[in-house]
Amino acid sequence: MSNRKKLTHEILGLFGATTVIAVFFYGFLSMTANSIAETYILERDLTPTESQEWILDFGIPSISFMMAALLFVFLFLFLIGQRLGYVRVLISGIEALRTHRMDYEIPIEWNNELTELAESINYLARTE
């Protein structure tokens, strides 16, 4: 194996990037919602009730956290799906070899173990 990134490192990188985005989104959402609520209360010179204080202290952060968690899950699954979708391409290449269609060539994407597998399949197709 040459200077290829490991697929596990790519997945961990996607996980880290998605985590950073979700944390930023949580902070943005939470701070913005608190700021809007506090501005509303101050401009109207209101005294929040106990339940309103609870919402400010726990409700807004909880909802922000749930929204950030949903963003994380959807974004991570989307990004990982792109990487692992390449497996379907590899399966098509193997199926082409199995049915003796030696003119089929798998497109080379990224730079990881799956790329090495695609190159090996293409090599086998050319040498048959």
N, C-alpha and C. Protein backbone atom coordinates (compact mmCIF):
# COMPACT_ATOMS: atom_id res chain seq x y z
N MET A 1 0.84 -1.18 0.00
CA MET A 1 0.00 0.00 0.00
C MET A 1 0.89 1.24 0.00
N SER A 2 0.55 2.20 -0.82
CA SER A 2 1.36 3.41 -0.94
C SER A 2 0.86 4.49 0.01
N ASN A 3 0.85 5.71 -0.46
CA ASN A 3 0.46 6.85 0.37
C ASN A 3 -1.05 7.02 0.43
N ARG A 4 -1.75 5.97 0.64
CA ARG A 4 -3.21 6.03 0.69
C ARG A 4 -3.67 6.33 2.10
N LYS A 5 -4.75 7.12 2.17
CA LYS A 5 -5.39 7.34 3.45
C LYS A 5 -6.19 6.09 3.78
N LYS A 6 -6.23 5.75 5.02
CA LYS A 6 -7.06 4.63 5.42
C LYS A 6 -8.51 5.09 5.48
N LEU A 7 -9.39 4.21 5.09
CA LEU A 7 -10.81 4.51 5.11
C LEU A 7 -11.27 4.85 6.52
N THR A 8 -10.70 4.18 7.51
CA THR A 8 -11.08 4.48 8.89
C THR A 8 -10.70 5.92 9.26
N HIS A 9 -9.55 6.38 8.77
CA HIS A 9 -9.15 7.77 9.04
C HIS A 9 -10.10 8.75 8.35
N GLU A 10 -10.51 8.40 7.13
CA GLU A 10 -11.47 9.27 6.42
C GLU A 10 -12.79 9.34 7.17
N ILE A 11 -13.26 8.18 7.65
CA ILE A 11 -14.52 8.15 8.39
C ILE A 11 -14.39 8.94 9.69
N LEU A 12 -13.28 8.78 10.39
CA LEU A 12 -13.07 9.56 11.62
C LEU A 12 -12.98 11.05 11.32
N GLY A 13 -12.38 11.40 10.19
CA GLY A 13 -12.32 12.80 9.78
C GLY A 13 -13.71 13.36 9.51
N LEU A 14 -14.54 12.57 8.82
CA LEU A 14 -15.92 12.99 8.58
C LEU A 14 -16.69 13.13 9.89
N PHE A 15 -16.44 12.19 10.80
CA PHE A 15 -17.08 12.25 12.12
C PHE A 15 -16.66 13.53 12.86
N GLY A 16 -15.37 13.83 12.83
CA GLY A 16 -14.88 15.04 13.50
C GLY A 16 -15.42 16.31 12.88
N ALA A 17 -15.41 16.38 11.56
CA ALA A 17 -15.93 17.57 10.88
C ALA A 17 -17.42 17.75 11.15
N THR A 18 -18.16 16.66 11.13
CA THR A 18 -19.59 16.73 11.40
C THR A 18 -19.84 17.15 12.84
N THR A 19 -19.02 16.66 13.76
CA THR A 19 -19.14 17.05 15.17
C THR A 19 -18.90 18.54 15.34
N VAL A 20 -17.86 19.06 14.70
CA VAL A 20 -17.56 20.49 14.80
C VAL A 20 -18.72 21.32 14.26
N ILE A 21 -19.27 20.92 13.13
CA ILE A 21 -20.41 21.64 12.55
C ILE A 21 -21.61 21.60 13.49
N ALA A 22 -21.88 20.43 14.07
CA ALA A 22 -23.03 20.29 14.97
C ALA A 22 -22.84 21.11 16.24
N VAL A 23 -21.63 21.14 16.78
CA VAL A 23 -21.36 21.94 17.98
C VAL A 23 -21.52 23.43 17.67
N PHE A 24 -21.00 23.86 16.54
CA PHE A 24 -21.17 25.25 16.14
C PHE A 24 -22.66 25.58 15.98
N PHE A 25 -23.41 24.69 15.34
CA PHE A 25 -24.84 24.88 15.13
C PHE A 25 -25.57 24.96 16.46
N TYR A 26 -25.20 24.09 17.42
CA TYR A 26 -25.80 24.13 18.75
C TYR A 26 -25.55 25.48 19.41
N GLY A 27 -24.32 25.93 19.40
CA GLY A 27 -23.98 27.21 20.02
C GLY A 27 -24.73 28.36 19.37
N PHE A 28 -24.75 28.36 18.06
CA PHE A 28 -25.44 29.42 17.32
C PHE A 28 -26.92 29.44 17.64
N LEU A 29 -27.56 28.27 17.59
CA LEU A 29 -28.99 28.16 17.84
C LEU A 29 -29.33 28.55 19.28
N SER A 30 -28.56 28.02 20.22
CA SER A 30 -28.82 28.28 21.63
C SER A 30 -28.62 29.76 21.97
N MET A 31 -27.52 30.34 21.52
CA MET A 31 -27.24 31.75 21.82
C MET A 31 -28.24 32.66 21.14
N THR A 32 -28.60 32.37 19.92
CA THR A 32 -29.56 33.20 19.20
C THR A 32 -30.93 33.15 19.86
N ALA A 33 -31.39 31.96 20.21
CA ALA A 33 -32.70 31.83 20.85
C ALA A 33 -32.72 32.51 22.21
N ASN A 34 -31.67 32.34 22.99
CA ASN A 34 -31.59 33.03 24.29
C ASN A 34 -31.56 34.53 24.13
N SER A 35 -30.80 35.00 23.16
CA SER A 35 -30.71 36.44 22.92
C SER A 35 -32.06 37.02 22.52
N ILE A 36 -32.76 36.34 21.64
CA ILE A 36 -34.08 36.81 21.21
C ILE A 36 -35.04 36.85 22.40
N ALA A 37 -35.03 35.77 23.20
CA ALA A 37 -35.93 35.70 24.35
C ALA A 37 -35.60 36.79 25.37
N GLU A 38 -34.33 36.97 25.68
CA GLU A 38 -33.94 38.00 26.65
C GLU A 38 -34.24 39.40 26.14
N THR A 39 -34.03 39.65 24.87
CA THR A 39 -34.35 40.96 24.29
C THR A 39 -35.85 41.21 24.38
N TYR A 40 -36.64 40.23 24.09
CA TYR A 40 -38.10 40.35 24.17
C TYR A 40 -38.52 40.69 25.60
N ILE A 41 -37.95 39.97 26.56
CA ILE A 41 -38.30 40.20 27.97
C ILE A 41 -37.87 41.59 28.42
N LEU A 42 -36.66 42.00 28.06
CA LEU A 42 -36.14 43.31 28.47
C LEU A 42 -36.90 44.45 27.82
N GLU A 43 -37.20 44.35 26.53
CA GLU A 43 -37.91 45.43 25.83
C GLU A 43 -39.31 45.64 26.37
N ARG A 44 -39.91 44.60 26.84
CA ARG A 44 -41.28 44.71 27.36
C ARG A 44 -41.32 44.84 28.88
N ASP A 45 -40.13 44.88 29.49
CA ASP A 45 -39.99 45.03 30.94
C ASP A 45 -40.84 43.98 31.68
N LEU A 46 -40.70 42.74 31.23
CA LEU A 46 -41.45 41.64 31.80
C LEU A 46 -40.64 40.95 32.89
N THR A 47 -41.34 40.34 33.81
CA THR A 47 -40.70 39.50 34.82
C THR A 47 -41.10 38.06 34.49
N PRO A 48 -40.14 37.25 34.10
CA PRO A 48 -40.47 35.88 33.70
C PRO A 48 -40.99 35.06 34.88
N THR A 49 -41.95 34.21 34.59
CA THR A 49 -42.46 33.30 35.62
C THR A 49 -41.46 32.16 35.79
N GLU A 50 -41.73 31.32 36.76
CA GLU A 50 -40.83 30.21 37.04
C GLU A 50 -40.74 29.26 35.84
N SER A 51 -41.87 29.01 35.20
CA SER A 51 -41.86 28.11 34.04
C SER A 51 -41.13 28.76 32.86
N GLN A 52 -41.27 30.07 32.70
CA GLN A 52 -40.55 30.77 31.63
C GLN A 52 -39.04 30.75 31.89
N GLU A 53 -38.66 30.90 33.16
CA GLU A 53 -37.24 30.81 33.52
C GLU A 53 -36.70 29.42 33.21
N TRP A 54 -37.52 28.39 33.49
CA TRP A 54 -37.11 27.02 33.21
C TRP A 54 -36.89 26.82 31.71
N ILE A 55 -37.80 27.38 30.93
CA ILE A 55 -37.66 27.27 29.47
C ILE A 55 -36.38 27.95 29.00
N LEU A 56 -36.09 29.12 29.56
CA LEU A 56 -34.85 29.82 29.18
C LEU A 56 -33.61 29.04 29.60
N ASP A 57 -33.67 28.45 30.79
CA ASP A 57 -32.49 27.76 31.32
C ASP A 57 -32.30 26.35 30.77
N PHE A 58 -33.40 25.64 30.53
CA PHE A 58 -33.29 24.24 30.13
C PHE A 58 -33.97 23.92 28.80
N GLY A 59 -35.07 24.56 28.51
CA GLY A 59 -35.83 24.25 27.30
C GLY A 59 -35.09 24.62 26.03
N ILE A 60 -34.60 25.85 25.98
CA ILE A 60 -33.89 26.31 24.77
C ILE A 60 -32.63 25.50 24.53
N PRO A 61 -31.79 25.28 25.56
CA PRO A 61 -30.61 24.44 25.30
C PRO A 61 -30.96 23.01 24.89
N SER A 62 -32.03 22.46 25.48
CA SER A 62 -32.43 21.09 25.13
C SER A 62 -32.89 21.00 23.68
N ILE A 63 -33.72 21.93 23.27
CA ILE A 63 -34.19 21.93 21.88
C ILE A 63 -33.03 22.18 20.92
N SER A 64 -32.13 23.08 21.30
CA SER A 64 -30.95 23.35 20.46
C SER A 64 -30.09 22.10 20.33
N PHE A 65 -29.94 21.37 21.45
CA PHE A 65 -29.15 20.15 21.43
C PHE A 65 -29.79 19.11 20.51
N MET A 66 -31.11 18.95 20.62
CA MET A 66 -31.80 17.97 19.77
C MET A 66 -31.66 18.33 18.30
N MET A 67 -31.77 19.60 17.98
CA MET A 67 -31.63 20.03 16.58
C MET A 67 -30.19 19.79 16.09
N ALA A 68 -29.21 20.08 16.94
CA ALA A 68 -27.81 19.85 16.56
C ALA A 68 -27.55 18.35 16.40
N ALA A 69 -28.14 17.52 17.26
CA ALA A 69 -27.97 16.07 17.15
C ALA A 69 -28.58 15.56 15.84
N LEU A 70 -29.75 16.07 15.48
CA LEU A 70 -30.37 15.67 14.21
C LEU A 70 -29.50 16.10 13.03
N LEU A 71 -28.98 17.31 13.08
CA LEU A 71 -28.09 17.78 12.02
C LEU A 71 -26.88 16.86 11.91
N PHE A 72 -26.29 16.52 13.07
CA PHE A 72 -25.12 15.63 13.07
C PHE A 72 -25.45 14.31 12.40
N VAL A 73 -26.55 13.68 12.81
CA VAL A 73 -26.91 12.36 12.28
C VAL A 73 -27.12 12.42 10.77
N PHE A 74 -27.93 13.37 10.31
CA PHE A 74 -28.22 13.46 8.88
C PHE A 74 -26.97 13.80 8.07
N LEU A 75 -26.18 14.74 8.54
CA LEU A 75 -24.97 15.14 7.81
C LEU A 75 -23.96 14.00 7.78
N PHE A 76 -23.75 13.34 8.91
CA PHE A 76 -22.79 12.24 8.96
C PHE A 76 -23.24 11.09 8.06
N LEU A 77 -24.52 10.74 8.12
CA LEU A 77 -25.02 9.66 7.28
C LEU A 77 -24.91 10.01 5.80
N PHE A 78 -25.15 11.27 5.45
CA PHE A 78 -25.02 11.70 4.06
C PHE A 78 -23.57 11.57 3.60
N LEU A 79 -22.64 12.08 4.41
CA LEU A 79 -21.23 12.04 4.02
C LEU A 79 -20.68 10.61 3.98
N ILE A 80 -21.05 9.80 4.95
CA ILE A 80 -20.56 8.43 4.98
C ILE A 80 -21.20 7.63 3.84
N GLY A 81 -22.43 7.97 3.52
CA GLY A 81 -23.13 7.29 2.42
C GLY A 81 -22.43 7.51 1.09
N GLN A 82 -21.86 8.69 0.91
CA GLN A 82 -21.12 8.96 -0.33
C GLN A 82 -19.90 8.05 -0.42
N ARG A 83 -19.20 7.90 0.69
CA ARG A 83 -18.00 7.05 0.69
C ARG A 83 -18.38 5.58 0.49
N LEU A 84 -19.36 5.13 1.24
CA LEU A 84 -19.71 3.72 1.18
C LEU A 84 -20.54 3.37 -0.05
N GLY A 85 -21.08 4.38 -0.72
CA GLY A 85 -21.77 4.14 -1.98
C GLY A 85 -20.83 3.62 -3.04
N TYR A 86 -19.56 3.88 -2.86
CA TYR A 86 -18.53 3.40 -3.78
C TYR A 86 -18.47 1.87 -3.76
N VAL A 87 -18.90 1.27 -2.66
CA VAL A 87 -18.92 -0.19 -2.58
C VAL A 87 -19.84 -0.77 -3.65
N ARG A 88 -20.96 -0.10 -3.92
CA ARG A 88 -21.88 -0.56 -4.98
C ARG A 88 -21.16 -0.54 -6.34
N VAL A 89 -20.35 0.46 -6.56
CA VAL A 89 -19.58 0.55 -7.81
C VAL A 89 -18.61 -0.63 -7.91
N LEU A 90 -17.97 -0.95 -6.79
CA LEU A 90 -17.04 -2.07 -6.77
C LEU A 90 -17.77 -3.39 -7.03
N ILE A 91 -18.94 -3.54 -6.45
CA ILE A 91 -19.73 -4.75 -6.68
C ILE A 91 -20.10 -4.87 -8.16
N SER A 92 -20.43 -3.75 -8.80
CA SER A 92 -20.72 -3.77 -10.24
C SER A 92 -19.51 -4.24 -11.03
N GLY A 93 -18.33 -3.77 -10.64
CA GLY A 93 -17.11 -4.20 -11.32
C GLY A 93 -16.84 -5.67 -11.14
N ILE A 94 -17.05 -6.18 -9.94
CA ILE A 94 -16.85 -7.61 -9.70
C ILE A 94 -17.87 -8.43 -10.48
N GLU A 95 -19.10 -7.93 -10.52
CA GLU A 95 -20.16 -8.62 -11.29
C GLU A 95 -19.79 -8.64 -12.78
N ALA A 96 -19.22 -7.55 -13.28
CA ALA A 96 -18.80 -7.51 -14.68
C ALA A 96 -17.70 -8.54 -14.94
N LEU A 97 -16.76 -8.66 -14.01
CA LEU A 97 -15.71 -9.68 -14.16
C LEU A 97 -16.31 -11.08 -14.13
N ARG A 98 -17.25 -11.29 -13.26
CA ARG A 98 -17.87 -12.61 -13.12
C ARG A 98 -18.60 -13.02 -14.39
N THR A 99 -19.18 -12.03 -15.09
CA THR A 99 -19.91 -12.33 -16.33
C THR A 99 -19.02 -12.14 -17.57
N HIS A 100 -17.71 -12.04 -17.34
CA HIS A 100 -16.70 -11.96 -18.40
C HIS A 100 -16.84 -10.71 -19.27
N ARG A 101 -17.30 -9.62 -18.71
CA ARG A 101 -17.30 -8.34 -19.44
C ARG A 101 -16.00 -7.61 -19.08
N MET A 102 -14.98 -7.94 -19.82
CA MET A 102 -13.65 -7.43 -19.49
C MET A 102 -13.43 -5.98 -19.92
N ASP A 103 -14.37 -5.41 -20.64
CA ASP A 103 -14.23 -4.01 -21.06
C ASP A 103 -14.71 -3.04 -19.97
N TYR A 104 -15.32 -3.56 -18.93
CA TYR A 104 -15.85 -2.70 -17.86
C TYR A 104 -14.69 -2.18 -17.01
N GLU A 105 -14.69 -0.89 -16.75
CA GLU A 105 -13.65 -0.30 -15.91
C GLU A 105 -14.30 0.49 -14.78
N ILE A 106 -13.85 0.22 -13.58
CA ILE A 106 -14.37 0.92 -12.40
C ILE A 106 -13.72 2.29 -12.33
N PRO A 107 -14.53 3.34 -12.17
CA PRO A 107 -13.94 4.68 -12.02
C PRO A 107 -13.17 4.76 -10.69
N ILE A 108 -12.03 5.40 -10.74
CA ILE A 108 -11.19 5.54 -9.55
C ILE A 108 -11.59 6.82 -8.82
N GLU A 109 -11.98 6.64 -7.56
CA GLU A 109 -12.38 7.77 -6.72
C GLU A 109 -11.59 7.73 -5.42
N TRP A 110 -11.37 8.88 -4.86
CA TRP A 110 -10.70 9.05 -3.57
C TRP A 110 -9.33 8.41 -3.56
N ASN A 111 -8.83 8.12 -2.39
CA ASN A 111 -7.48 7.58 -2.27
C ASN A 111 -7.39 6.76 -0.99
N ASN A 112 -8.05 5.59 -1.01
CA ASN A 112 -8.07 4.74 0.19
C ASN A 112 -8.05 3.27 -0.22
N GLU A 113 -8.36 2.39 0.72
CA GLU A 113 -8.34 0.96 0.43
C GLU A 113 -9.34 0.57 -0.66
N LEU A 114 -10.47 1.26 -0.71
CA LEU A 114 -11.45 0.96 -1.75
C LEU A 114 -10.90 1.32 -3.13
N THR A 115 -10.11 2.38 -3.19
CA THR A 115 -9.46 2.76 -4.44
C THR A 115 -8.49 1.67 -4.88
N GLU A 116 -7.75 1.16 -3.92
CA GLU A 116 -6.81 0.08 -4.23
C GLU A 116 -7.54 -1.15 -4.74
N LEU A 117 -8.67 -1.46 -4.14
CA LEU A 117 -9.48 -2.59 -4.59
C LEU A 117 -9.98 -2.35 -6.01
N ALA A 118 -10.45 -1.14 -6.29
CA ALA A 118 -10.92 -0.82 -7.65
C ALA A 118 -9.80 -0.95 -8.67
N GLU A 119 -8.61 -0.47 -8.32
CA GLU A 119 -7.47 -0.60 -9.23
C GLU A 119 -7.13 -2.07 -9.48
N SER A 120 -7.22 -2.89 -8.44
CA SER A 120 -6.93 -4.32 -8.59
C SER A 120 -7.96 -5.00 -9.47
N ILE A 121 -9.22 -4.65 -9.32
CA ILE A 121 -10.27 -5.21 -10.16
C ILE A 121 -10.06 -4.79 -11.62
N ASN A 122 -9.73 -3.53 -11.83
CA ASN A 122 -9.47 -3.04 -13.19
C ASN A 122 -8.26 -3.77 -13.80
N TYR A 123 -7.24 -4.01 -12.98
CA TYR A 123 -6.05 -4.73 -13.46
C TYR A 123 -6.43 -6.15 -13.87
N LEU A 124 -7.22 -6.81 -13.04
CA LEU A 124 -7.66 -8.17 -13.37
C LEU A 124 -8.46 -8.19 -14.68
N ALA A 125 -9.31 -7.20 -14.88
CA ALA A 125 -10.11 -7.14 -16.10
C ALA A 125 -9.22 -6.95 -17.33
N ARG A 126 -8.17 -6.16 -17.19
CA ARG A 126 -7.26 -5.91 -18.32
C ARG A 126 -6.39 -7.11 -18.64
N THR A 127 -6.05 -7.90 -17.64
CA THR A 127 -5.10 -9.02 -17.86
C THR A 127 -5.80 -10.31 -18.21
N GLU A 128 -7.11 -10.39 -18.17
CA GLU A 128 -7.83 -11.63 -18.49
C GLU A 128 -7.92 -11.85 -19.97
